[in-house]
N, C-alpha and C. Protein backbone atom coordinates (compact mmCIF):
# COMPACT_ATOMS: atom_id res chain seq x y z
N MET A 1 172.30 -115.41 -8.07
CA MET A 1 171.33 -114.36 -8.23
C MET A 1 171.98 -113.03 -7.84
N LYS A 2 171.76 -112.04 -8.62
CA LYS A 2 172.36 -110.73 -8.38
C LYS A 2 171.58 -109.98 -7.29
N PRO A 3 172.28 -109.19 -6.47
CA PRO A 3 171.58 -108.39 -5.46
C PRO A 3 170.49 -107.51 -6.05
N SER A 4 170.71 -106.97 -7.24
CA SER A 4 169.70 -106.11 -7.85
C SER A 4 168.42 -106.88 -8.18
N ASP A 5 168.53 -108.17 -8.49
CA ASP A 5 167.36 -109.00 -8.75
C ASP A 5 166.53 -109.19 -7.47
N ILE A 6 167.22 -109.45 -6.37
CA ILE A 6 166.55 -109.62 -5.08
C ILE A 6 165.90 -108.30 -4.66
N GLN A 7 166.63 -107.22 -4.85
CA GLN A 7 166.08 -105.90 -4.53
C GLN A 7 164.79 -105.64 -5.31
N ALA A 8 164.79 -105.95 -6.58
CA ALA A 8 163.61 -105.73 -7.42
C ALA A 8 162.43 -106.59 -6.95
N LEU A 9 162.68 -107.83 -6.58
CA LEU A 9 161.61 -108.70 -6.09
C LEU A 9 161.00 -108.15 -4.81
N ILE A 10 161.86 -107.73 -3.89
CA ILE A 10 161.37 -107.21 -2.61
C ILE A 10 160.58 -105.93 -2.83
N GLU A 11 161.11 -105.02 -3.64
CA GLU A 11 160.44 -103.75 -3.87
C GLU A 11 159.11 -103.94 -4.61
N ALA A 12 159.01 -104.96 -5.45
CA ALA A 12 157.75 -105.25 -6.14
C ALA A 12 156.73 -105.88 -5.19
N GLY A 13 157.21 -106.56 -4.16
CA GLY A 13 156.31 -107.29 -3.26
C GLY A 13 155.84 -106.54 -2.04
N LEU A 14 156.52 -105.45 -1.69
CA LEU A 14 156.13 -104.68 -0.51
C LEU A 14 155.71 -103.27 -0.93
N PRO A 15 154.59 -102.79 -0.43
CA PRO A 15 154.14 -101.46 -0.79
C PRO A 15 155.09 -100.37 -0.29
N ALA A 16 155.33 -99.38 -1.12
CA ALA A 16 156.14 -98.21 -0.77
C ALA A 16 157.47 -98.61 -0.14
N CYS A 17 158.09 -99.63 -0.68
CA CYS A 17 159.30 -100.21 -0.10
C CYS A 17 160.55 -99.65 -0.77
N SER A 18 161.59 -99.54 0.04
CA SER A 18 162.92 -99.22 -0.45
C SER A 18 163.85 -100.31 0.08
N ALA A 19 164.58 -100.96 -0.81
CA ALA A 19 165.47 -102.04 -0.39
C ALA A 19 166.87 -101.80 -0.91
N GLN A 20 167.83 -102.15 -0.09
CA GLN A 20 169.24 -102.16 -0.49
C GLN A 20 169.76 -103.56 -0.20
N VAL A 21 170.25 -104.22 -1.23
CA VAL A 21 170.75 -105.59 -1.08
C VAL A 21 172.19 -105.63 -1.58
N ARG A 22 173.06 -106.26 -0.79
CA ARG A 22 174.44 -106.40 -1.22
C ARG A 22 174.93 -107.82 -0.97
N SER A 23 175.96 -108.18 -1.72
CA SER A 23 176.54 -109.52 -1.60
C SER A 23 177.96 -109.48 -2.14
N ASP A 24 178.82 -110.24 -1.50
CA ASP A 24 180.19 -110.38 -1.99
C ASP A 24 180.34 -111.58 -2.92
N ASP A 25 179.38 -112.53 -2.85
CA ASP A 25 179.53 -113.77 -3.61
C ASP A 25 178.28 -114.22 -4.37
N ASP A 26 177.22 -113.41 -4.37
CA ASP A 26 175.95 -113.73 -5.03
C ASP A 26 175.32 -115.03 -4.51
N VAL A 27 175.60 -115.35 -3.26
CA VAL A 27 174.98 -116.49 -2.58
C VAL A 27 174.53 -116.08 -1.18
N HIS A 28 175.36 -115.28 -0.51
CA HIS A 28 175.07 -114.76 0.83
C HIS A 28 174.78 -113.26 0.67
N TYR A 29 173.65 -112.83 1.25
CA TYR A 29 173.19 -111.46 1.02
C TYR A 29 172.88 -110.74 2.32
N GLU A 30 172.96 -109.42 2.26
CA GLU A 30 172.53 -108.56 3.35
C GLU A 30 171.54 -107.56 2.76
N ALA A 31 170.42 -107.38 3.46
CA ALA A 31 169.39 -106.47 2.96
C ALA A 31 168.95 -105.52 4.06
N VAL A 32 168.79 -104.26 3.68
CA VAL A 32 168.14 -103.27 4.53
C VAL A 32 166.87 -102.89 3.76
N ILE A 33 165.74 -103.14 4.40
CA ILE A 33 164.45 -102.95 3.75
C ILE A 33 163.63 -101.99 4.60
N VAL A 34 163.14 -100.94 3.96
CA VAL A 34 162.34 -99.94 4.66
C VAL A 34 160.96 -99.90 4.02
N SER A 35 159.93 -100.14 4.85
CA SER A 35 158.56 -100.13 4.33
C SER A 35 157.58 -99.79 5.45
N PRO A 36 156.57 -98.98 5.13
CA PRO A 36 155.53 -98.73 6.13
C PRO A 36 154.72 -99.99 6.44
N ALA A 37 154.79 -101.00 5.59
CA ALA A 37 154.08 -102.26 5.83
C ALA A 37 154.60 -102.98 7.07
N PHE A 38 155.79 -102.62 7.56
CA PHE A 38 156.36 -103.25 8.74
C PHE A 38 155.81 -102.66 10.05
N ALA A 39 155.08 -101.57 9.97
CA ALA A 39 154.56 -100.91 11.18
C ALA A 39 153.69 -101.89 11.97
N GLY A 40 153.94 -101.95 13.27
CA GLY A 40 153.17 -102.81 14.16
C GLY A 40 153.54 -104.28 14.10
N LYS A 41 154.56 -104.62 13.33
CA LYS A 41 154.99 -106.02 13.19
C LYS A 41 156.28 -106.24 14.00
N ARG A 42 156.36 -107.42 14.58
CA ARG A 42 157.60 -107.81 15.28
C ARG A 42 158.65 -108.22 14.25
N PRO A 43 159.93 -108.24 14.65
CA PRO A 43 160.99 -108.60 13.69
C PRO A 43 160.73 -109.93 12.97
N LEU A 44 160.29 -110.94 13.67
CA LEU A 44 160.04 -112.23 13.02
C LEU A 44 158.96 -112.09 11.95
N GLN A 45 157.91 -111.36 12.23
CA GLN A 45 156.84 -111.16 11.25
C GLN A 45 157.36 -110.41 10.03
N ARG A 46 158.22 -109.44 10.24
CA ARG A 46 158.81 -108.68 9.14
C ARG A 46 159.64 -109.60 8.25
N HIS A 47 160.45 -110.44 8.87
CA HIS A 47 161.28 -111.38 8.10
C HIS A 47 160.41 -112.35 7.32
N GLN A 48 159.34 -112.82 7.94
CA GLN A 48 158.44 -113.74 7.26
C GLN A 48 157.80 -113.09 6.03
N MET A 49 157.51 -111.81 6.12
CA MET A 49 156.96 -111.09 4.97
C MET A 49 157.94 -111.11 3.80
N VAL A 50 159.21 -110.90 4.11
CA VAL A 50 160.24 -110.89 3.07
C VAL A 50 160.43 -112.30 2.51
N TYR A 51 160.49 -113.30 3.40
CA TYR A 51 160.65 -114.69 2.94
C TYR A 51 159.50 -115.10 2.03
N GLU A 52 158.29 -114.66 2.36
CA GLU A 52 157.13 -115.00 1.52
C GLU A 52 157.29 -114.43 0.11
N ILE A 53 157.81 -113.23 0.01
CA ILE A 53 158.03 -112.61 -1.30
C ILE A 53 159.07 -113.40 -2.10
N LEU A 54 160.12 -113.84 -1.43
CA LEU A 54 161.22 -114.52 -2.13
C LEU A 54 160.92 -115.99 -2.39
N GLY A 55 159.98 -116.55 -1.65
CA GLY A 55 159.49 -117.91 -1.89
C GLY A 55 160.57 -118.96 -1.98
N ALA A 56 160.49 -119.79 -3.01
CA ALA A 56 161.37 -120.94 -3.19
C ALA A 56 162.83 -120.55 -3.44
N ARG A 57 163.07 -119.30 -3.73
CA ARG A 57 164.46 -118.86 -3.95
C ARG A 57 165.28 -118.95 -2.66
N MET A 58 164.57 -118.82 -1.52
CA MET A 58 165.25 -118.95 -0.23
C MET A 58 165.72 -120.39 -0.06
N GLY A 59 167.00 -120.56 0.27
CA GLY A 59 167.56 -121.90 0.43
C GLY A 59 168.01 -122.51 -0.88
N ASP A 60 167.69 -121.87 -1.99
CA ASP A 60 168.11 -122.37 -3.29
C ASP A 60 169.07 -121.35 -3.90
N GLU A 61 168.54 -120.40 -4.64
CA GLU A 61 169.38 -119.35 -5.24
C GLU A 61 169.94 -118.41 -4.17
N ILE A 62 169.19 -118.25 -3.11
CA ILE A 62 169.61 -117.40 -1.99
C ILE A 62 169.96 -118.33 -0.83
N HIS A 63 171.24 -118.55 -0.63
CA HIS A 63 171.65 -119.47 0.42
C HIS A 63 171.42 -118.88 1.80
N ALA A 64 171.75 -117.59 1.97
CA ALA A 64 171.59 -116.92 3.26
C ALA A 64 171.25 -115.45 3.02
N LEU A 65 170.33 -114.95 3.84
CA LEU A 65 169.92 -113.55 3.72
C LEU A 65 169.80 -112.94 5.11
N SER A 66 170.63 -111.96 5.38
CA SER A 66 170.54 -111.18 6.61
C SER A 66 169.62 -110.00 6.33
N ILE A 67 168.59 -109.85 7.17
CA ILE A 67 167.58 -108.82 6.92
C ILE A 67 167.54 -107.81 8.06
N ARG A 68 167.55 -106.55 7.69
CA ARG A 68 167.24 -105.47 8.62
C ARG A 68 165.99 -104.82 8.06
N ALA A 69 164.84 -105.07 8.69
CA ALA A 69 163.55 -104.59 8.21
C ALA A 69 163.07 -103.46 9.11
N LEU A 70 162.91 -102.29 8.53
CA LEU A 70 162.58 -101.08 9.30
C LEU A 70 161.38 -100.35 8.71
N THR A 71 160.66 -99.64 9.59
CA THR A 71 159.66 -98.71 9.10
C THR A 71 160.40 -97.42 8.71
N PRO A 72 159.77 -96.55 7.94
CA PRO A 72 160.43 -95.28 7.60
C PRO A 72 160.82 -94.47 8.85
N GLU A 73 160.00 -94.52 9.88
CA GLU A 73 160.30 -93.80 11.12
C GLU A 73 161.53 -94.38 11.82
N GLU A 74 161.62 -95.70 11.85
CA GLU A 74 162.79 -96.35 12.45
C GLU A 74 164.05 -96.02 11.67
N GLN A 75 163.95 -95.99 10.35
CA GLN A 75 165.09 -95.65 9.51
C GLN A 75 165.53 -94.21 9.77
N ALA A 76 164.59 -93.29 9.91
CA ALA A 76 164.92 -91.89 10.17
C ALA A 76 165.63 -91.76 11.52
N ARG A 77 165.16 -92.46 12.53
CA ARG A 77 165.82 -92.42 13.86
C ARG A 77 167.22 -92.99 13.76
N ARG A 78 167.37 -94.07 13.01
CA ARG A 78 168.67 -94.73 12.83
C ARG A 78 169.67 -93.79 12.18
N LEU A 79 169.21 -93.01 11.22
CA LEU A 79 170.09 -92.08 10.52
C LEU A 79 170.49 -90.88 11.37
N HIS A 80 169.65 -90.56 12.36
CA HIS A 80 169.92 -89.39 13.20
C HIS A 80 170.65 -89.75 14.49
N ASP A 81 170.82 -91.03 14.76
CA ASP A 81 171.54 -91.46 15.99
C ASP A 81 173.03 -91.51 15.79
């Protein structure tokens, strides 16, 4: 599965979301996902939201996915640090 396909799925599944997905082998992926939907959620809850969107692809087409899930405010602080 191409990173752009995963990016499109995530962005379609989360409101006002921006996702960047990369992979060196199209099996192991890294994603930075920014969405206001993550506000008030713990990291585990954020990851579960992403896993729910990707569904059965997790563990099949997507062998491993490293997720950094941020709110827009967290992303802005990250960029200014």
